[in-house]
Amino acid sequence: MRRHRTEQYPDPLESALRRRVIAASFAIVVMVLAHIVHPFAQSPDARAIDGALEIGGAVVALLLLLLGGPQSIRALRQRREEAERAHAERKQINHLFRMTEMLQSANGYADANAVLGATIDSLLAGFGGALYVFNNSRDRLELSASWHWPDAETLRPMLAPAQCWALKRGKPHINADSRGALCCEHHLGSATVLELPMTAHGEIQGMLKIATDLPDAAAELTRIQPLATAIADAMSLAVSNIALREKLRTQALRDPLTGLYNRRYMEDALGRYASLTERSGTHLSVIMIDLDHFKKLNDEFGHAAGDSVLRETAATILGALRTSDVACRYGGEELLVILPECRLDEAVAKAEILRERIEALSAMHEAKISASFGVAAMPESTRAVADLLGMADAALYQAKEGGRNRVVAAPSRETPMLPLAAE
């Protein structure tokens, strides 16, 4: 089919060159005939005709050479430039294919950012780049990575979608510090920035920013916008897949109601921390927490109120812990906190703080809310991790028997179990 179209619609440059070659060939034939006739020319008239033919053929050949040579050179130069552009486009397409293939193997944002950074270095040399992705609640975009940004201080760590024209419109937008230009509220610095929303599965996954401080920055960004859009489209699928995997991983490790880690993760974390404690000789404490009269709360105020109390309690606990601590939903209304490198007396003090903060939730929900606490530690209470949870649970049971809303520490290997705070 392609050969048929080529024969039907020939290249104009090729046709012109063919016509010039035919004309030049005709002129050469005329000159050759003149030389053949020359020996047989006896009369002055014949010799005059012979000379005229030679001169005319030479003039025609010279004119054809002068007229056709520059055009042929221009045609060849144009063909070469077109071939170079086609070769560059093929290289870009092949690089994008390799980028997409590499992104499919990315295990997380670190891998994807490395692939994107290498692609920007190769295909968009001389431009800066930055990638923003949505957080878990999708109310903010967080800076995931940046490359060769003209002024790193102008990159905000977080962006609000309501402050970005590219995200509000769902279309590319150029922020330029020029008269009459419409800039986003988050735009900082003097660099001109192309912002590309990254959409996959009908939903915006993040934003790719390309910046330059070249003199004709807006025109340069407009020139590379198709290529930058192709990069953003390929990256958007990777971001979507990574976000989906993170969501599935979170669902597998966390309790959907409270957002705390589930029991399976707790068992793994406790085993890791216990092994570290045994090797390094440090301390490890656990706090077992049980909400008091939770069934009565559900019966009087409904399960929706009970779920709200559980969520608020979990948020209260998380707000009082260190980043290294692990809070889990042990089961029902029972919660567990793992405190690595924490002595028994420090864990008891932390439990008392949690008890007071949970009790303060009563005013918010207009219901009596409290919790009982059992605390145990290695090596104060036991040297075996298998006994640690049992001793904390026994201390929690004693807190319940002692009147609830109190903290009880498991006995050390020398002293009996005693309540440490009571209502």
Protein backbone atom coordinates (compact mmCIF):
# COMPACT_ATOMS: atom_id res chain seq x y z
CA MET A 1 0.00 0.00 0.00
CA ARG A 2 2.83 2.39 0.87
CA ARG A 3 4.58 1.68 -2.49
CA HIS A 4 1.36 2.38 -4.37
CA ARG A 5 0.98 5.75 -2.63
CA THR A 6 4.57 6.67 -3.38
CA GLU A 7 4.12 5.94 -7.09
CA GLN A 8 0.84 7.82 -7.19
CA TYR A 9 2.14 10.87 -5.33
CA PRO A 10 5.88 11.22 -6.21
CA ASP A 11 8.19 13.43 -4.19
CA PRO A 12 8.30 16.95 -5.83
CA LEU A 13 12.02 17.32 -5.09
CA GLU A 14 12.75 13.93 -6.62
CA SER A 15 10.72 14.78 -9.75
CA ALA A 16 12.55 18.09 -10.20
CA LEU A 17 15.93 16.41 -9.89
CA ARG A 18 14.85 13.76 -12.41
CA ARG A 19 13.83 16.44 -14.93
CA ARG A 20 17.15 18.24 -14.54
CA VAL A 21 19.08 15.01 -15.06
CA ILE A 22 17.14 14.32 -18.29
CA ALA A 23 17.81 17.84 -19.57
CA ALA A 24 21.51 17.58 -18.75
CA SER A 25 21.66 14.22 -20.50
CA PHE A 26 20.05 15.72 -23.59
CA ALA A 27 22.60 18.53 -23.62
CA ILE A 28 25.44 16.04 -23.41
CA VAL A 29 23.96 14.00 -26.27
CA VAL A 30 23.85 17.15 -28.39
CA MET A 31 27.51 17.86 -27.67
CA VAL A 32 28.50 14.28 -28.56
CA LEU A 33 26.59 14.44 -31.86
CA ALA A 34 28.35 17.67 -32.67
CA HIS A 35 31.73 15.98 -32.24
CA ILE A 36 30.62 13.06 -34.42
CA VAL A 37 29.44 15.36 -37.21
CA HIS A 38 32.60 17.50 -37.05
CA PRO A 39 34.87 15.25 -39.22
CA PHE A 40 32.30 15.14 -42.02
CA ALA A 41 31.65 18.87 -42.08
CA GLN A 42 33.34 20.19 -45.25
CA SER A 43 31.60 23.47 -45.83
CA PRO A 44 31.99 26.62 -43.80
CA ASP A 45 28.27 26.54 -43.07
CA ALA A 46 28.57 23.08 -41.54
CA ARG A 47 31.51 24.14 -39.45
CA ALA A 48 29.53 27.16 -38.25
CA ILE A 49 26.61 24.92 -37.31
CA ASP A 50 28.99 22.55 -35.51
CA GLY A 51 30.51 25.37 -33.48
CA ALA A 52 27.12 26.74 -32.63
CA LEU A 53 25.96 23.34 -31.40
CA GLU A 54 29.06 22.94 -29.21
CA ILE A 55 28.74 26.40 -27.72
CA GLY A 56 25.00 25.99 -27.20
CA GLY A 57 25.37 22.60 -25.52
CA ALA A 58 28.09 23.92 -23.24
CA VAL A 59 25.98 26.95 -22.29
CA VAL A 60 22.93 24.78 -21.60
CA ALA A 61 24.97 22.34 -19.49
CA LEU A 62 26.52 25.25 -17.57
CA LEU A 63 23.12 26.84 -16.95
CA LEU A 64 21.67 23.55 -15.77
CA LEU A 65 24.60 23.06 -13.44
CA LEU A 66 24.34 26.59 -12.05
CA LEU A 67 20.56 26.40 -11.59
CA GLY A 68 20.24 22.82 -10.38
CA GLY A 69 23.32 22.53 -8.16
CA PRO A 70 22.25 24.82 -5.27
CA GLN A 71 18.73 23.43 -5.28
CA SER A 72 20.08 19.91 -5.19
CA ILE A 73 22.33 20.82 -2.28
CA ARG A 74 19.39 22.41 -0.43
CA ALA A 75 17.26 19.37 -1.13
CA LEU A 76 19.95 17.03 0.16
CA ARG A 77 20.43 19.22 3.25
CA GLN A 78 16.69 19.21 3.91
CA ARG A 79 16.58 15.44 3.51
CA ARG A 80 19.48 15.08 5.94
CA GLU A 81 17.82 17.35 8.52
CA GLU A 82 14.58 15.42 8.22
CA ALA A 83 16.46 12.16 8.68
CA GLU A 84 18.23 13.54 11.75
CA ARG A 85 14.92 14.68 13.26
CA ALA A 86 13.37 11.30 12.58
CA HIS A 87 16.37 9.58 14.18
CA ALA A 88 16.12 11.83 17.25
CA GLU A 89 12.40 11.12 17.55
CA ARG A 90 13.03 7.37 17.32
CA LYS A 91 15.64 7.67 20.08
CA GLN A 92 13.17 9.56 22.27
CA ILE A 93 10.46 6.98 21.65
CA ASN A 94 12.84 4.12 22.43
CA HIS A 95 13.94 5.87 25.61
CA LEU A 96 10.31 6.35 26.67
CA PHE A 97 9.65 2.66 26.03
CA ARG A 98 12.64 1.74 28.18
CA MET A 99 11.45 4.15 30.87
CA THR A 100 7.99 2.58 30.90
CA GLU A 101 9.51 -0.89 31.11
CA MET A 102 11.75 0.12 34.02
CA LEU A 103 8.85 1.76 35.84
CA GLN A 104 6.90 -1.49 35.71
CA SER A 105 9.65 -3.05 37.85
CA ALA A 106 9.77 -0.19 40.39
CA ASN A 107 9.09 -1.37 43.95
CA GLY A 108 8.34 2.07 45.32
CA TYR A 109 8.73 5.81 44.87
CA ALA A 110 12.51 5.62 45.30
CA ASP A 111 12.88 3.35 42.27
CA ALA A 112 10.40 5.37 40.19
CA ASN A 113 12.14 8.64 41.09
CA ALA A 114 15.50 7.22 40.00
CA VAL A 115 14.06 6.22 36.60
CA LEU A 116 12.38 9.61 36.15
CA GLY A 117 15.56 11.49 37.09
CA ALA A 118 17.63 9.54 34.56
CA THR A 119 14.99 10.18 31.88
CA ILE A 120 14.95 13.93 32.51
CA ASP A 121 18.77 14.02 32.38
CA SER A 122 18.72 12.24 29.02
CA LEU A 123 15.71 13.71 27.22
CA LEU A 124 15.38 17.12 28.88
CA ALA A 125 18.99 18.10 29.43
CA GLY A 126 19.32 21.65 30.76
CA PHE A 127 15.89 21.63 32.43
CA GLY A 128 15.04 21.10 36.08
CA GLY A 129 12.34 18.69 37.26
CA ALA A 130 10.28 17.99 40.36
CA LEU A 131 7.67 15.33 41.16
CA TYR A 132 4.76 15.84 43.55
CA VAL A 133 2.41 13.02 44.61
CA PHE A 134 -0.75 13.00 46.72
CA ASN A 135 -0.59 12.00 50.38
CA ASN A 136 -2.80 9.24 51.77
CA SER A 137 -5.71 11.57 52.50
CA ARG A 138 -5.36 13.22 49.04
CA ASP A 139 -5.69 16.71 50.49
CA ARG A 140 -2.06 17.71 49.82
CA LEU A 141 0.69 16.97 47.32
CA GLU A 142 4.07 16.13 48.80
CA LEU A 143 7.43 16.69 47.12
CA SER A 144 8.72 13.23 46.19
CA ALA A 145 11.95 14.16 44.35
CA SER A 146 13.63 16.95 42.38
CA TRP A 147 16.41 17.17 39.77
CA HIS A 148 18.59 20.16 38.79
CA TRP A 149 16.01 22.68 40.00
CA PRO A 150 17.22 26.25 39.32
CA ASP A 151 16.59 27.33 42.90
CA ALA A 152 15.92 24.51 45.36
CA GLU A 153 14.63 26.93 48.01
CA THR A 154 11.64 27.78 45.83
CA LEU A 155 10.34 24.19 45.93
CA ARG A 156 7.60 23.92 48.51
CA PRO A 157 7.55 20.62 50.46
CA MET A 158 3.75 20.49 50.15
CA LEU A 159 1.18 21.95 47.76
CA ALA A 160 -2.56 22.43 48.11
CA PRO A 161 -4.56 21.43 44.97
CA ALA A 162 -6.71 24.55 45.37
CA GLN A 163 -3.59 26.72 44.87
CA CYS A 164 -2.56 25.17 41.53
CA TRP A 165 -4.12 26.11 38.19
CA ALA A 166 -2.80 22.96 36.52
CA LEU A 167 -4.58 20.73 39.05
CA LYS A 168 -7.77 22.79 39.10
CA ARG A 169 -8.04 22.73 35.30
CA GLY A 170 -6.50 19.32 34.73
CA LYS A 171 -4.33 20.81 31.96
CA PRO A 172 -0.70 21.93 31.60
CA HIS A 173 0.05 25.41 32.90
CA ILE A 174 3.13 27.66 32.65
CA ASN A 175 4.06 29.89 35.58
CA ALA A 176 6.14 32.83 34.34
CA ASP A 177 7.18 36.04 36.05
CA SER A 178 6.07 38.22 33.16
CA ARG A 179 3.48 40.91 32.71
CA GLY A 180 -0.02 39.50 32.28
CA ALA A 181 0.98 35.92 33.19
CA LEU A 182 -1.34 33.96 35.47
CA CYS A 183 0.70 32.23 38.21
CA CYS A 184 -0.29 29.69 40.82
CA GLU A 185 -0.37 30.78 44.46
CA HIS A 186 2.38 28.31 45.34
CA HIS A 187 4.77 29.60 42.64
CA LEU A 188 8.02 31.01 44.02
CA GLY A 189 11.22 32.32 42.46
CA SER A 190 12.03 33.77 39.05
CA ALA A 191 12.31 30.52 37.07
CA THR A 192 9.63 29.75 34.49
CA VAL A 193 7.86 26.50 35.35
CA LEU A 194 5.75 24.13 33.27
CA GLU A 195 3.32 22.17 35.46
CA LEU A 196 1.83 18.95 34.11
CA PRO A 197 -0.97 17.12 35.96
CA MET A 198 -0.41 13.36 35.94
CA THR A 199 -3.65 11.51 35.29
CA ALA A 200 -4.22 7.75 35.34
CA HIS A 201 -7.45 5.75 35.53
CA GLY A 202 -9.46 8.97 35.35
CA GLU A 203 -7.86 10.41 38.50
CA ILE A 204 -5.02 12.88 39.04
CA GLN A 205 -2.12 11.03 40.69
CA GLY A 206 0.34 13.89 41.06
CA MET A 207 2.13 16.64 39.17
CA LEU A 208 5.39 16.89 37.20
CA LYS A 209 7.11 20.29 37.15
CA ILE A 210 9.72 21.27 34.53
CA ALA A 211 11.65 24.52 35.09
CA THR A 212 14.24 26.62 33.28
CA ASP A 213 15.84 30.04 33.68
CA LEU A 214 16.84 30.43 30.02
CA PRO A 215 16.24 33.87 28.40
CA ASP A 216 13.38 32.59 26.19
CA ALA A 217 12.04 30.25 28.88
CA ALA A 218 8.36 30.23 27.90
CA ALA A 219 9.13 29.37 24.27
CA GLU A 220 11.57 26.63 25.32
CA LEU A 221 9.00 25.07 27.65
CA THR A 222 6.36 25.23 24.93
CA ARG A 223 8.80 23.46 22.58
CA ILE A 224 9.48 20.56 24.94
CA GLN A 225 5.91 20.33 26.27
CA PRO A 226 4.90 17.33 24.07
CA LEU A 227 7.91 15.34 25.24
CA ALA A 228 7.39 16.38 28.87
CA THR A 229 3.73 15.37 28.58
CA ALA A 230 4.74 11.91 27.33
CA ILE A 231 7.10 11.54 30.30
CA ALA A 232 4.36 12.64 32.72
CA ASP A 233 1.88 10.17 31.20
CA ALA A 234 4.32 7.29 31.59
CA MET A 235 5.13 8.33 35.16
CA SER A 236 1.46 8.72 36.11
CA LEU A 237 0.80 5.01 35.54
CA ALA A 238 3.76 4.10 37.74
CA VAL A 239 2.60 6.46 40.50
CA SER A 240 -0.89 4.99 40.31
CA ASN A 241 0.43 1.43 40.59
CA ILE A 242 2.73 2.32 43.49
CA ALA A 243 -0.10 4.11 45.32
CA LEU A 244 -2.33 1.06 44.83
CA ARG A 245 0.35 -1.26 46.20
CA GLU A 246 0.90 1.04 49.18
CA LYS A 247 -2.84 1.06 49.83
CA LEU A 248 -3.04 -2.73 49.70
CA ARG A 249 0.02 -3.03 51.94
CA THR A 250 -1.53 -0.59 54.41
CA GLN A 251 -4.78 -2.53 54.43
CA ALA A 252 -2.84 -5.72 55.13
CA LEU A 253 -0.94 -4.18 58.06
CA ARG A 254 -3.37 -1.71 59.63
CA ASP A 255 -6.75 -1.84 61.25
CA PRO A 256 -9.24 -0.04 58.96
CA LEU A 257 -11.20 1.57 61.82
CA THR A 258 -8.47 3.00 64.01
CA GLY A 259 -5.56 3.20 61.58
CA LEU A 260 -3.37 1.38 64.11
CA TYR A 261 -1.30 -1.63 63.15
CA ASN A 262 -3.14 -4.94 63.30
CA ARG A 263 -2.31 -7.93 65.48
CA ARG A 264 -0.31 -9.69 62.78
CA TYR A 265 2.05 -6.75 62.40
CA MET A 266 2.27 -6.42 66.19
CA GLU A 267 3.48 -9.99 66.57
CA ASP A 268 6.20 -9.46 63.95
CA ALA A 269 7.30 -6.14 65.43
CA LEU A 270 7.39 -7.53 68.96
CA GLY A 271 9.55 -10.43 67.82
CA ARG A 272 12.01 -8.08 66.08
CA TYR A 273 12.27 -5.72 69.04
CA ALA A 274 12.62 -8.59 71.49
CA SER A 275 15.50 -10.08 69.48
CA LEU A 276 17.20 -6.69 69.40
CA THR A 277 16.70 -6.32 73.17
CA GLU A 278 18.24 -9.72 73.87
CA ARG A 279 21.26 -8.99 71.66
CA SER A 280 21.95 -5.44 72.81
CA GLY A 281 20.89 -5.74 76.44
CA THR A 282 18.50 -2.78 76.18
CA HIS A 283 14.96 -2.51 77.55
CA LEU A 284 11.60 -3.28 75.94
CA SER A 285 8.20 -2.38 77.42
CA VAL A 286 4.61 -3.06 76.41
CA ILE A 287 1.40 -1.36 77.51
CA MET A 288 -1.87 -3.25 77.29
CA ILE A 289 -4.93 -0.94 77.13
CA ASP A 290 -8.60 -1.81 77.50
CA LEU A 291 -11.45 0.69 77.31
CA ASP A 292 -13.68 0.48 80.38
CA HIS A 293 -17.36 -0.47 80.00
CA PHE A 294 -17.12 -0.31 76.21
CA LYS A 295 -20.09 -2.65 75.69
CA LYS A 296 -22.25 -0.39 77.83
CA LEU A 297 -21.13 2.58 75.74
CA ASN A 298 -22.20 0.80 72.55
CA ASP A 299 -25.54 -0.19 74.05
CA GLU A 300 -26.37 3.32 75.28
CA PHE A 301 -25.02 5.48 72.46
CA GLY A 302 -24.84 3.09 69.49
CA HIS A 303 -22.03 1.41 67.63
CA ALA A 304 -21.30 4.56 65.62
CA ALA A 305 -20.46 6.37 68.84
CA GLY A 306 -18.35 3.41 69.96
CA ASP A 307 -16.41 3.48 66.68
CA SER A 308 -15.85 7.19 67.09
CA VAL A 309 -14.48 6.67 70.61
CA LEU A 310 -12.11 3.99 69.31
CA ARG A 311 -10.83 6.29 66.57
CA GLU A 312 -10.35 9.19 68.98
CA THR A 313 -8.58 6.93 71.47
CA ALA A 314 -6.23 5.66 68.77
CA ALA A 315 -5.45 9.23 67.67
CA THR A 316 -4.81 10.22 71.29
CA ILE A 317 -2.38 7.34 71.76
CA LEU A 318 -0.52 8.08 68.54
CA GLY A 319 -0.17 11.72 69.51
CA ALA A 320 1.69 10.81 72.70
CA LEU A 321 4.16 8.26 71.26
CA ARG A 322 7.60 8.46 69.71
CA THR A 323 8.19 7.63 66.07
CA SER A 324 9.91 4.39 67.10
CA ASP A 325 6.94 3.21 69.19
CA VAL A 326 4.33 0.86 67.70
CA ALA A 327 0.61 1.11 68.51
CA CYS A 328 -1.66 -1.80 67.56
CA ARG A 329 -5.26 -2.86 67.87
CA TYR A 330 -4.94 -6.10 69.79
CA GLY A 331 -8.59 -7.05 69.44
CA GLY A 332 -12.00 -5.45 70.01
CA GLU A 333 -11.49 -2.54 72.39
CA GLU A 334 -8.06 -3.77 73.48
CA LEU A 335 -5.00 -1.86 72.26
CA LEU A 336 -1.29 -2.53 72.67
CA VAL A 337 1.71 -0.21 72.61
CA ILE A 338 5.28 -1.47 72.10
CA LEU A 339 7.99 0.81 73.51
CA PRO A 340 11.52 -0.16 72.41
CA GLU A 341 14.45 1.03 74.54
CA CYS A 342 12.06 2.01 77.33
CA ARG A 343 12.41 0.99 80.99
CA LEU A 344 9.49 -0.14 83.12
CA ASP A 345 9.23 3.11 85.11
CA GLU A 346 9.27 5.16 81.90
CA ALA A 347 6.54 2.99 80.39
CA VAL A 348 4.42 3.42 83.52
CA ALA A 349 4.79 7.20 83.28
CA LYS A 350 3.78 7.08 79.61
CA ALA A 351 0.75 4.92 80.47
CA GLU A 352 -0.34 7.46 83.06
CA ILE A 353 -0.20 10.24 80.46
CA LEU A 354 -2.32 8.12 78.10
CA ARG A 355 -4.82 7.37 80.87
CA GLU A 356 -5.36 11.07 81.56
CA ARG A 357 -5.73 11.98 77.89
CA ILE A 358 -8.22 9.18 77.22
CA GLU A 359 -10.26 10.23 80.25
CA ALA A 360 -10.33 13.79 78.86
CA LEU A 361 -12.29 12.48 75.85
CA SER A 362 -15.35 12.23 78.08
CA ALA A 363 -16.12 15.92 77.65
CA MET A 364 -15.96 15.67 73.86
CA HIS A 365 -18.38 12.72 73.63
CA GLU A 366 -20.55 13.65 76.63
CA ALA A 367 -20.06 10.17 78.05
CA LYS A 368 -17.80 8.64 80.66
CA ILE A 369 -14.72 7.32 78.88
CA SER A 370 -11.76 5.72 80.61
CA ALA A 371 -9.28 2.90 80.15
CA SER A 372 -7.29 0.45 82.24
CA PHE A 373 -3.61 -0.21 81.66
CA GLY A 374 -1.24 -3.10 82.25
CA VAL A 375 2.50 -2.57 81.84
CA ALA A 376 5.33 -5.11 81.57
CA ALA A 377 8.95 -4.84 80.50
CA MET A 378 12.06 -6.78 79.59
CA PRO A 379 14.19 -7.51 81.55
CA GLU A 380 12.48 -6.03 84.64
CA SER A 381 9.36 -8.20 84.50
CA THR A 382 10.69 -11.16 82.53
CA ARG A 383 13.56 -12.19 80.30
CA ALA A 384 11.38 -14.21 77.90
CA VAL A 385 9.39 -12.45 75.21
CA ALA A 386 6.85 -15.28 75.34
CA ASP A 387 5.89 -14.18 78.86
CA LEU A 388 5.83 -10.42 78.19
CA LEU A 389 2.29 -10.11 76.82
CA GLY A 390 0.94 -12.53 79.42
CA MET A 391 2.37 -10.46 82.25
CA ALA A 392 0.99 -7.22 80.77
CA ASP A 393 -2.42 -8.86 80.38
CA ALA A 394 -2.31 -10.06 83.98
CA ALA A 395 -1.48 -6.51 85.12
CA LEU A 396 -4.39 -5.20 83.04
CA TYR A 397 -6.73 -7.73 84.69
CA GLN A 398 -5.62 -6.52 88.12
CA ALA A 399 -6.32 -2.90 87.04
CA LYS A 400 -9.83 -3.98 86.06
CA GLU A 401 -10.34 -5.78 89.35
CA GLY A 402 -8.98 -2.79 91.26
CA GLY A 403 -11.64 -0.41 89.98
CA ARG A 404 -10.62 0.39 86.36
CA ASN A 405 -9.23 3.69 85.05
CA ARG A 406 -5.80 2.98 86.49
CA VAL A 407 -2.30 1.79 85.59
CA VAL A 408 -0.84 -1.40 87.02
CA ALA A 409 2.71 -2.56 86.41
CA ALA A 410 3.61 -6.22 86.24
CA PRO A 411 5.75 -7.29 89.20
CA SER A 412 9.46 -7.31 88.76
CA ARG A 413 11.26 -10.51 89.51
CA GLU A 414 11.79 -9.26 93.07
CA THR A 415 8.65 -7.26 93.96
CA PRO A 416 4.88 -8.03 93.88
CA MET A 417 2.43 -6.43 91.47
CA LEU A 418 1.09 -3.08 92.72
CA PRO A 419 -1.28 -0.46 91.22
CA LEU A 420 0.59 2.74 90.39
CA ALA A 421 -2.28 5.09 89.66
CA ALA A 422 -5.89 4.94 90.68
CA GLU A 423 -8.96 6.93 90.07
